[in-house]
Amino acid sequence: MTLGQILGRIDTLRPNAWTPEQKTAWVSDLEAILWTQIFLQNPTAREPYSPAQDDERTLLLLPDGWQRVYIAYLCAMIDLANGEYDQFQNSMSQFNGVMAELGAWYADTYDPAGNPAQWTPLGLLSCDALTGGAATLSIPWKGAALLALEWRVTDAFDGDGRVRFTLAETGTPLGEIDIISGQLGAKHVGGLTTPPQGCVTIQAEYTGDALSEGQGAVLLLCQQPSLRHRLK
C-alpha cells in the first residue's frame, strides 16, 4: 500500500481542500504513533515522509489489510482542521476502535513488550546497473514480521541512482532507497511484512548511471511470533 493510494482514497471518501503536503504530514504523525505504540520501537528510528517523495513509490508502514487505520485517522484530522468538532469526535471514536483492533492483534501475535524485535544481519549486497543484486537470509520463525530493512552502504556508488528492494518469495515490495554518488551511511525502508517460513530472499534492483556500482550491509528488523503462537 502506497502513500499515493491512501491520499487518493481519502480524497474520494472525504473530499477536502487540504494539500497533499498536509495530508502527508498527518500520515507521518500516524506512523510515528504506530511505530512507538503498536510496534514499541524507538521513535527516532523512523523518519517522517518528505513532501518531495514520489507518492506512488512510497510504501506505508501497514500493509493493505489495515487501510482503515489510515482512513480513520485522516478523516479525524480533516474534521478537526475544518472545525467540525462533533464529526471529529465521531471520527476519533472510529479511529480508536481500529487502533484497538490493530493493537490487540499485534500484541497477541507478537508480544512486542516481552518479545522485542531484533535487527538480524543479512549479509553484504552488491548492486550495479547490469545485475542488480540478491541475498538470502534463513528466518526460522513461522509468521515472523519484518518491520524494516536497513542498508548500510559500505562501498559508495560512483553515480546517482535508486535501489528497489523486494521480497522474492511473495513479490512484496520492501521499499526504495535513493543513492547519491559517494554517499555512505544507513537508510531504512519497508513496512510490516510476514513472509513464509524458511529462507527469505531479498532482491535488489538498481537503476541509475550505467557504470555505477556499490555495496552495502543488509539488516532486517524482525519480530518473531509470541511464545503462545510458536507453540501452536
C-alpha atoms as a PDB file:
ATOM      1  CA  MET A   1       0.000   0.000   0.000  1.00  0.00           C
ATOM      2  CA  THR A   2       1.480   3.326  -1.042  1.00  0.00           C
ATOM      3  CA  LEU A   3       1.123   6.840   0.264  1.00  0.00           C
ATOM      4  CA  GLY A   4      -0.409   7.905  -3.050  1.00  0.00           C
ATOM      5  CA  GLN A   5      -3.103   5.229  -2.823  1.00  0.00           C
ATOM      6  CA  ILE A   6      -4.152   6.397   0.641  1.00  0.00           C
ATOM      7  CA  LEU A   7      -4.185  10.077  -0.355  1.00  0.00           C
ATOM      8  CA  GLY A   8      -6.346   9.252  -3.369  1.00  0.00           C
ATOM      9  CA  ARG A   9      -8.720   7.127  -1.322  1.00  0.00           C
ATOM     10  CA  ILE A  10      -9.245   9.750   1.392  1.00  0.00           C
ATOM     11  CA  ASP A  11      -9.956  12.408  -1.246  1.00  0.00           C
ATOM     12  CA  THR A  12     -12.666  10.150  -2.671  1.00  0.00           C
ATOM     13  CA  LEU A  13     -14.223   9.185   0.659  1.00  0.00           C
ATOM     14  CA  ARG A  14     -13.894  12.606   2.332  1.00  0.00           C
ATOM     15  CA  PRO A  15     -13.477  15.368  -0.289  1.00  0.00           C
ATOM     16  CA  ASN A  16     -11.368  18.142   1.212  1.00  0.00           C
ATOM     17  CA  ALA A  17      -9.355  21.248   0.388  1.00  0.00           C
ATOM     18  CA  TRP A  18      -6.220  20.279   2.313  1.00  0.00           C
ATOM     19  CA  THR A  19      -2.972  19.943   0.373  1.00  0.00           C
ATOM     20  CA  PRO A  20      -1.211  16.623  -0.249  1.00  0.00           C
ATOM     21  CA  GLU A  21       1.666  18.001   1.829  1.00  0.00           C
ATOM     22  CA  GLN A  22      -0.574  18.481   4.861  1.00  0.00           C
ATOM     23  CA  LYS A  23      -2.179  15.057   4.497  1.00  0.00           C
ATOM     24  CA  THR A  24       1.285  13.519   4.105  1.00  0.00           C
ATOM     25  CA  ALA A  25       2.291  15.192   7.385  1.00  0.00           C
ATOM     26  CA  TRP A  26      -0.769  13.647   9.075  1.00  0.00           C
ATOM     27  CA  VAL A  27       0.196  10.203   7.743  1.00  0.00           C
ATOM     28  CA  SER A  28       3.699  10.708   9.161  1.00  0.00           C
ATOM     29  CA  ASP A  29       2.196  11.624  12.541  1.00  0.00           C
ATOM     30  CA  LEU A  30       0.068   8.469  12.482  1.00  0.00           C
ATOM     31  CA  GLU A  31       3.003   6.234  11.621  1.00  0.00           C
ATOM     32  CA  ALA A  32       5.023   7.734  14.469  1.00  0.00           C
ATOM     33  CA  ILE A  33       2.167   6.661  16.760  1.00  0.00           C
ATOM     34  CA  LEU A  34       2.089   3.173  15.223  1.00  0.00           C
ATOM     35  CA  TRP A  35       5.869   2.808  15.415  1.00  0.00           C
ATOM     36  CA  THR A  36       6.002   3.623  19.113  1.00  0.00           C
ATOM     37  CA  GLN A  37       2.642   2.446  20.495  1.00  0.00           C
ATOM     38  CA  ILE A  38       1.998  -0.699  18.412  1.00  0.00           C
ATOM     39  CA  PHE A  39       5.469  -1.938  17.461  1.00  0.00           C
ATOM     40  CA  LEU A  40       7.184  -0.430  20.559  1.00  0.00           C
ATOM     41  CA  GLN A  41      10.143   0.872  18.573  1.00  0.00           C
ATOM     42  CA  ASN A  42      12.478   3.801  19.192  1.00  0.00           C
ATOM     43  CA  PRO A  43      10.646   6.920  17.946  1.00  0.00           C
ATOM     44  CA  THR A  44      13.818   8.311  16.354  1.00  0.00           C
ATOM     45  CA  ALA A  45      14.252   5.211  14.169  1.00  0.00           C
ATOM     46  CA  ARG A  46      11.555   6.256  11.679  1.00  0.00           C
ATOM     47  CA  GLU A  47      11.739   9.500   9.724  1.00  0.00           C
ATOM     48  CA  PRO A  48       8.655  11.420   8.539  1.00  0.00           C
ATOM     49  CA  TYR A  49       7.772  11.383   4.875  1.00  0.00           C
ATOM     50  CA  SER A  50       9.064  14.186   2.703  1.00  0.00           C
ATOM     51  CA  PRO A  51       6.530  16.087   0.561  1.00  0.00           C
ATOM     52  CA  ALA A  52       9.036  15.704  -2.296  1.00  0.00           C
ATOM     53  CA  GLN A  53       8.784  11.892  -2.231  1.00  0.00           C
ATOM     54  CA  ASP A  54       7.081  10.053  -5.093  1.00  0.00           C
ATOM     55  CA  ASP A  55       3.715   9.149  -3.509  1.00  0.00           C
ATOM     56  CA  GLU A  56       3.208   6.138  -5.767  1.00  0.00           C
ATOM     57  CA  ARG A  57       6.592   4.653  -4.769  1.00  0.00           C
ATOM     58  CA  THR A  58       6.408   5.409  -1.051  1.00  0.00           C
ATOM     59  CA  LEU A  59       5.321   2.311   0.888  1.00  0.00           C
ATOM     60  CA  LEU A  60       3.384   2.779   4.098  1.00  0.00           C
ATOM     61  CA  LEU A  61       4.176   1.059   7.377  1.00  0.00           C
ATOM     62  CA  LEU A  62       0.976  -1.021   7.469  1.00  0.00           C
ATOM     63  CA  PRO A  63       0.007  -3.453   4.672  1.00  0.00           C
ATOM     64  CA  ASP A  64      -3.179  -3.376   2.581  1.00  0.00           C
ATOM     65  CA  GLY A  65      -5.340  -5.134   5.153  1.00  0.00           C
ATOM     66  CA  TRP A  66      -5.067  -2.156   7.515  1.00  0.00           C
ATOM     67  CA  GLN A  67      -6.086   0.689   5.201  1.00  0.00           C
ATOM     68  CA  ARG A  68      -8.890   1.560   7.594  1.00  0.00           C
ATOM     69  CA  VAL A  69      -6.382   2.770  10.200  1.00  0.00           C
ATOM     70  CA  TYR A  70      -5.090   5.455   7.833  1.00  0.00           C
ATOM     71  CA  ILE A  71      -8.549   6.384   6.577  1.00  0.00           C
ATOM     72  CA  ALA A  72      -9.982   6.765  10.089  1.00  0.00           C
ATOM     73  CA  TYR A  73      -7.062   8.936  11.236  1.00  0.00           C
ATOM     74  CA  LEU A  74      -7.124  11.176   8.159  1.00  0.00           C
ATOM     75  CA  CYS A  75     -10.893  11.629   8.477  1.00  0.00           C
ATOM     76  CA  ALA A  76     -10.418  12.704  12.082  1.00  0.00           C
ATOM     77  CA  MET A  77      -7.635  15.172  11.233  1.00  0.00           C
ATOM     78  CA  ILE A  78      -9.633  16.674   8.360  1.00  0.00           C
ATOM     79  CA  ASP A  79     -12.678  17.114  10.624  1.00  0.00           C
ATOM     80  CA  LEU A  80     -10.551  18.745  13.319  1.00  0.00           C
ATOM     81  CA  ALA A  81      -8.830  21.077  10.859  1.00  0.00           C
ATOM     82  CA  ASN A  82     -12.229  22.059   9.400  1.00  0.00           C
ATOM     83  CA  GLY A  83     -13.559  22.907  12.848  1.00  0.00           C
ATOM     84  CA  GLU A  84     -16.227  20.188  12.626  1.00  0.00           C
ATOM     85  CA  TYR A  85     -15.831  19.145  16.246  1.00  0.00           C
ATOM     86  CA  ASP A  86     -18.865  16.886  16.577  1.00  0.00           C
ATOM     87  CA  GLN A  87     -17.823  14.974  13.465  1.00  0.00           C
ATOM     88  CA  PHE A  88     -14.262  14.911  14.807  1.00  0.00           C
ATOM     89  CA  GLN A  89     -15.422  13.134  17.953  1.00  0.00           C
ATOM     90  CA  ASN A  90     -17.183  10.508  15.841  1.00  0.00           C
ATOM     91  CA  SER A  91     -14.152  10.055  13.601  1.00  0.00           C
ATOM     92  CA  MET A  92     -11.807   9.742  16.581  1.00  0.00           C
ATOM     93  CA  SER A  93     -14.088   7.120  18.074  1.00  0.00           C
ATOM     94  CA  GLN A  94     -13.803   5.103  14.860  1.00  0.00           C
ATOM     95  CA  PHE A  95     -10.032   5.596  14.809  1.00  0.00           C
ATOM     96  CA  ASN A  96      -9.644   4.492  18.428  1.00  0.00           C
ATOM     97  CA  GLY A  97     -11.671   1.391  17.602  1.00  0.00           C
ATOM     98  CA  VAL A  98      -9.480   0.289  14.672  1.00  0.00           C
ATOM     99  CA  MET A  99      -6.319   1.141  16.634  1.00  0.00           C
ATOM    100  CA  ALA A 100      -7.521  -1.073  19.478  1.00  0.00           C
ATOM    101  CA  GLU A 101      -8.161  -3.858  16.968  1.00  0.00           C
ATOM    102  CA  LEU A 102      -4.682  -3.480  15.461  1.00  0.00           C
ATOM    103  CA  GLY A 103      -3.004  -3.261  18.868  1.00  0.00           C
ATOM    104  CA  ALA A 104      -4.797  -6.335  20.203  1.00  0.00           C
ATOM    105  CA  TRP A 105      -3.872  -8.397  17.129  1.00  0.00           C
ATOM    106  CA  TYR A 106      -0.220  -7.379  17.181  1.00  0.00           C
ATOM    107  CA  ALA A 107       0.195  -7.789  20.938  1.00  0.00           C
ATOM    108  CA  ASP A 108      -1.441 -11.222  20.852  1.00  0.00           C
ATOM    109  CA  THR A 109       0.531 -12.416  17.840  1.00  0.00           C
ATOM    110  CA  TYR A 110       3.946 -10.929  18.591  1.00  0.00           C
ATOM    111  CA  ASP A 111       4.015  -9.698  22.227  1.00  0.00           C
ATOM    112  CA  PRO A 112       6.444  -6.843  21.438  1.00  0.00           C
ATOM    113  CA  ALA A 113       6.732  -5.851  25.116  1.00  0.00           C
ATOM    114  CA  GLY A 114       8.056  -9.224  26.241  1.00  0.00           C
ATOM    115  CA  ASN A 115       9.471 -10.330  22.907  1.00  0.00           C
ATOM    116  CA  PRO A 116      11.322  -7.340  21.388  1.00  0.00           C
ATOM    117  CA  ALA A 117      12.081  -7.097  17.691  1.00  0.00           C
ATOM    118  CA  GLN A 118      15.728  -7.627  16.753  1.00  0.00           C
ATOM    119  CA  TRP A 119      17.953  -6.419  13.947  1.00  0.00           C
ATOM    120  CA  THR A 120      19.138  -9.527  12.093  1.00  0.00           C
ATOM    121  CA  PRO A 121      22.181  -9.258   9.764  1.00  0.00           C
ATOM    122  CA  LEU A 122      21.513 -10.476   6.229  1.00  0.00           C
ATOM    123  CA  GLY A 123      24.979 -10.013   4.748  1.00  0.00           C
ATOM    124  CA  LEU A 124      26.567  -7.906   2.046  1.00  0.00           C
ATOM    125  CA  LEU A 125      24.649  -6.962  -1.070  1.00  0.00           C
ATOM    126  CA  SER A 126      26.356  -5.626  -4.181  1.00  0.00           C
ATOM    127  CA  CYS A 127      24.400  -3.736  -6.819  1.00  0.00           C
ATOM    128  CA  ASP A 128      25.161  -2.449 -10.283  1.00  0.00           C
ATOM    129  CA  ALA A 129      23.133  -1.373 -13.280  1.00  0.00           C
ATOM    130  CA  LEU A 130      23.601  -4.697 -15.080  1.00  0.00           C
ATOM    131  CA  THR A 131      22.968  -7.420 -12.498  1.00  0.00           C
ATOM    132  CA  GLY A 132      21.049  -5.737  -9.647  1.00  0.00           C
ATOM    133  CA  GLY A 133      21.651  -7.946  -6.600  1.00  0.00           C
ATOM    134  CA  ALA A 134      20.178 -10.567  -4.280  1.00  0.00           C
ATOM    135  CA  ALA A 135      20.881 -12.019  -0.845  1.00  0.00           C
ATOM    136  CA  THR A 136      19.276 -14.763   1.236  1.00  0.00           C
ATOM    137  CA  LEU A 137      18.532 -15.000   4.952  1.00  0.00           C
ATOM    138  CA  SER A 138      17.156 -18.018   6.778  1.00  0.00           C
ATOM    139  CA  ILE A 139      14.486 -16.987   9.296  1.00  0.00           C
ATOM    140  CA  PRO A 140      13.336 -19.984  11.392  1.00  0.00           C
ATOM    141  CA  TRP A 141      10.268 -18.215  12.777  1.00  0.00           C
ATOM    142  CA  LYS A 142       6.985 -19.144  11.160  1.00  0.00           C
ATOM    143  CA  GLY A 143       4.957 -15.986  10.694  1.00  0.00           C
ATOM    144  CA  ALA A 144       7.806 -13.616  11.571  1.00  0.00           C
ATOM    145  CA  ALA A 145       7.088  -9.925  10.994  1.00  0.00           C
ATOM    146  CA  LEU A 146       9.623  -7.872   9.070  1.00  0.00           C
ATOM    147  CA  LEU A 147       9.274  -4.280  10.234  1.00  0.00           C
ATOM    148  CA  ALA A 148      12.091  -2.657   8.283  1.00  0.00           C
ATOM    149  CA  LEU A 149      15.114  -3.236   6.116  1.00  0.00           C
ATOM    150  CA  GLU A 150      18.317  -1.269   6.629  1.00  0.00           C
ATOM    151  CA  TRP A 151      21.023  -0.940   4.001  1.00  0.00           C
ATOM    152  CA  ARG A 152      24.317   0.390   5.341  1.00  0.00           C
ATOM    153  CA  VAL A 153      26.326   1.461   2.319  1.00  0.00           C
ATOM    154  CA  THR A 154      29.917   0.277   2.757  1.00  0.00           C
ATOM    155  CA  ASP A 155      31.272   0.903  -0.751  1.00  0.00           C
ATOM    156  CA  ALA A 156      29.788   4.074  -2.145  1.00  0.00           C
ATOM    157  CA  PHE A 157      28.297   4.273  -5.626  1.00  0.00           C
ATOM    158  CA  ASP A 158      30.134   6.475  -8.111  1.00  0.00           C
ATOM    159  CA  GLY A 159      26.898   7.701  -9.656  1.00  0.00           C
ATOM    160  CA  ASP A 160      23.342   8.584  -8.658  1.00  0.00           C
ATOM    161  CA  GLY A 161      20.505   6.064  -8.785  1.00  0.00           C
ATOM    162  CA  ARG A 162      17.900   4.128  -6.842  1.00  0.00           C
ATOM    163  CA  VAL A 163      17.720   0.645  -5.326  1.00  0.00           C
ATOM    164  CA  ARG A 164      14.340  -1.105  -5.089  1.00  0.00           C
ATOM    165  CA  PHE A 165      14.083  -3.964  -2.570  1.00  0.00           C
ATOM    166  CA  THR A 166      11.593  -6.833  -2.990  1.00  0.00           C
ATOM    167  CA  LEU A 167      10.765  -9.968  -1.005  1.00  0.00           C
ATOM    168  CA  ALA A 168      11.336 -12.640  -3.656  1.00  0.00           C
ATOM    169  CA  GLU A 169       9.051 -15.328  -2.195  1.00  0.00           C
ATOM    170  CA  THR A 170       5.917 -13.217  -2.434  1.00  0.00           C
ATOM    171  CA  GLY A 171       6.917 -10.355  -4.712  1.00  0.00           C
ATOM    172  CA  THR A 172       6.171  -7.961  -1.854  1.00  0.00           C
ATOM    173  CA  PRO A 173       7.972  -4.624  -2.293  1.00  0.00           C
ATOM    174  CA  LEU A 174      10.003  -3.578   0.740  1.00  0.00           C
ATOM    175  CA  GLY A 175      10.774  -0.045  -0.368  1.00  0.00           C
ATOM    176  CA  GLU A 176      13.284   2.020  -2.290  1.00  0.00           C
ATOM    177  CA  ILE A 177      16.436   3.918  -1.400  1.00  0.00           C
ATOM    178  CA  ASP A 178      17.788   6.849  -3.374  1.00  0.00           C
ATOM    179  CA  ILE A 179      21.525   6.592  -3.977  1.00  0.00           C
ATOM    180  CA  ILE A 180      23.732   9.692  -4.105  1.00  0.00           C
ATOM    181  CA  SER A 181      27.178   9.426  -5.609  1.00  0.00           C
ATOM    182  CA  GLY A 182      29.868   8.922  -2.951  1.00  0.00           C
ATOM    183  CA  GLN A 183      27.401   8.773  -0.076  1.00  0.00           C
ATOM    184  CA  LEU A 184      27.860   6.368   2.830  1.00  0.00           C
ATOM    185  CA  GLY A 185      25.539   5.715   5.774  1.00  0.00           C
ATOM    186  CA  ALA A 186      22.411   3.784   6.695  1.00  0.00           C
ATOM    187  CA  LYS A 187      18.876   4.165   5.367  1.00  0.00           C
ATOM    188  CA  HIS A 188      15.648   2.398   6.362  1.00  0.00           C
ATOM    189  CA  VAL A 189      12.894   1.132   4.097  1.00  0.00           C
ATOM    190  CA  GLY A 190       9.925  -1.201   4.425  1.00  0.00           C
ATOM    191  CA  GLY A 191       6.794  -1.784   6.416  1.00  0.00           C
ATOM    192  CA  LEU A 192       5.058  -4.649   8.175  1.00  0.00           C
ATOM    193  CA  THR A 193       5.510  -7.865   6.136  1.00  0.00           C
ATOM    194  CA  THR A 194       5.003 -11.509   7.157  1.00  0.00           C
ATOM    195  CA  PRO A 195       6.956 -13.772   4.772  1.00  0.00           C
ATOM    196  CA  PRO A 196       6.766 -17.569   4.557  1.00  0.00           C
ATOM    197  CA  GLN A 197       8.762 -19.716   6.946  1.00  0.00           C
ATOM    198  CA  GLY A 198      12.326 -20.524   5.953  1.00  0.00           C
ATOM    199  CA  CYS A 199      14.649 -18.682   3.624  1.00  0.00           C
ATOM    200  CA  VAL A 200      13.883 -15.067   2.904  1.00  0.00           C
ATOM    201  CA  THR A 201      15.399 -13.745  -0.313  1.00  0.00           C
ATOM    202  CA  ILE A 202      15.834 -10.015  -0.684  1.00  0.00           C
ATOM    203  CA  GLN A 203      16.188  -8.906  -4.284  1.00  0.00           C
ATOM    204  CA  ALA A 204      17.600  -5.501  -5.121  1.00  0.00           C
ATOM    205  CA  GLU A 205      17.127  -3.796  -8.468  1.00  0.00           C
ATOM    206  CA  TYR A 206      19.453  -0.880  -9.147  1.00  0.00           C
ATOM    207  CA  THR A 207      18.551   1.794 -11.662  1.00  0.00           C
ATOM    208  CA  GLY A 208      20.822   4.713 -12.341  1.00  0.00           C
ATOM    209  CA  ASP A 209      24.083   5.577 -14.020  1.00  0.00           C
ATOM    210  CA  ALA A 210      25.065   2.671 -16.239  1.00  0.00           C
ATOM    211  CA  LEU A 211      28.563   2.097 -14.872  1.00  0.00           C
ATOM    212  CA  SER A 212      27.811   2.854 -11.240  1.00  0.00           C
ATOM    213  CA  GLU A 213      28.112   0.121  -8.617  1.00  0.00           C
ATOM    214  CA  GLY A 214      28.303  -0.143  -4.854  1.00  0.00           C
ATOM    215  CA  GLN A 215      27.822  -2.430  -1.876  1.00  0.00           C
ATOM    216  CA  GLY A 216      26.080  -2.379   1.476  1.00  0.00           C
ATOM    217  CA  ALA A 217      25.370  -4.481   4.553  1.00  0.00           C
ATOM    218  CA  VAL A 218      21.698  -5.513   4.800  1.00  0.00           C
ATOM    219  CA  LEU A 219      19.852  -5.936   8.108  1.00  0.00           C
ATOM    220  CA  LEU A 220      16.207  -6.814   8.793  1.00  0.00           C
ATOM    221  CA  LEU A 221      14.245  -5.669  11.818  1.00  0.00           C
ATOM    222  CA  CYS A 222      12.447  -8.936  12.677  1.00  0.00           C
ATOM    223  CA  GLN A 223       9.691  -9.593  15.200  1.00  0.00           C
ATOM    224  CA  GLN A 224       9.205 -13.278  15.913  1.00  0.00           C
ATOM    225  CA  PRO A 225       5.760 -14.521  16.988  1.00  0.00           C
ATOM    226  CA  SER A 226       4.888 -14.741  20.657  1.00  0.00           C
ATOM    227  CA  LEU A 227       5.623 -17.959  22.539  1.00  0.00           C
ATOM    228  CA  ARG A 228       1.939 -18.911  22.507  1.00  0.00           C
ATOM    229  CA  HIS A 229       1.801 -18.683  18.729  1.00  0.00           C
ATOM    230  CA  ARG A 230       5.099 -20.522  18.317  1.00  0.00           C
ATOM    231  CA  LEU A 231       3.669 -23.459  20.287  1.00  0.00           C
ATOM    232  CA  LYS A 232       0.645 -23.807  18.027  1.00  0.00           C
END
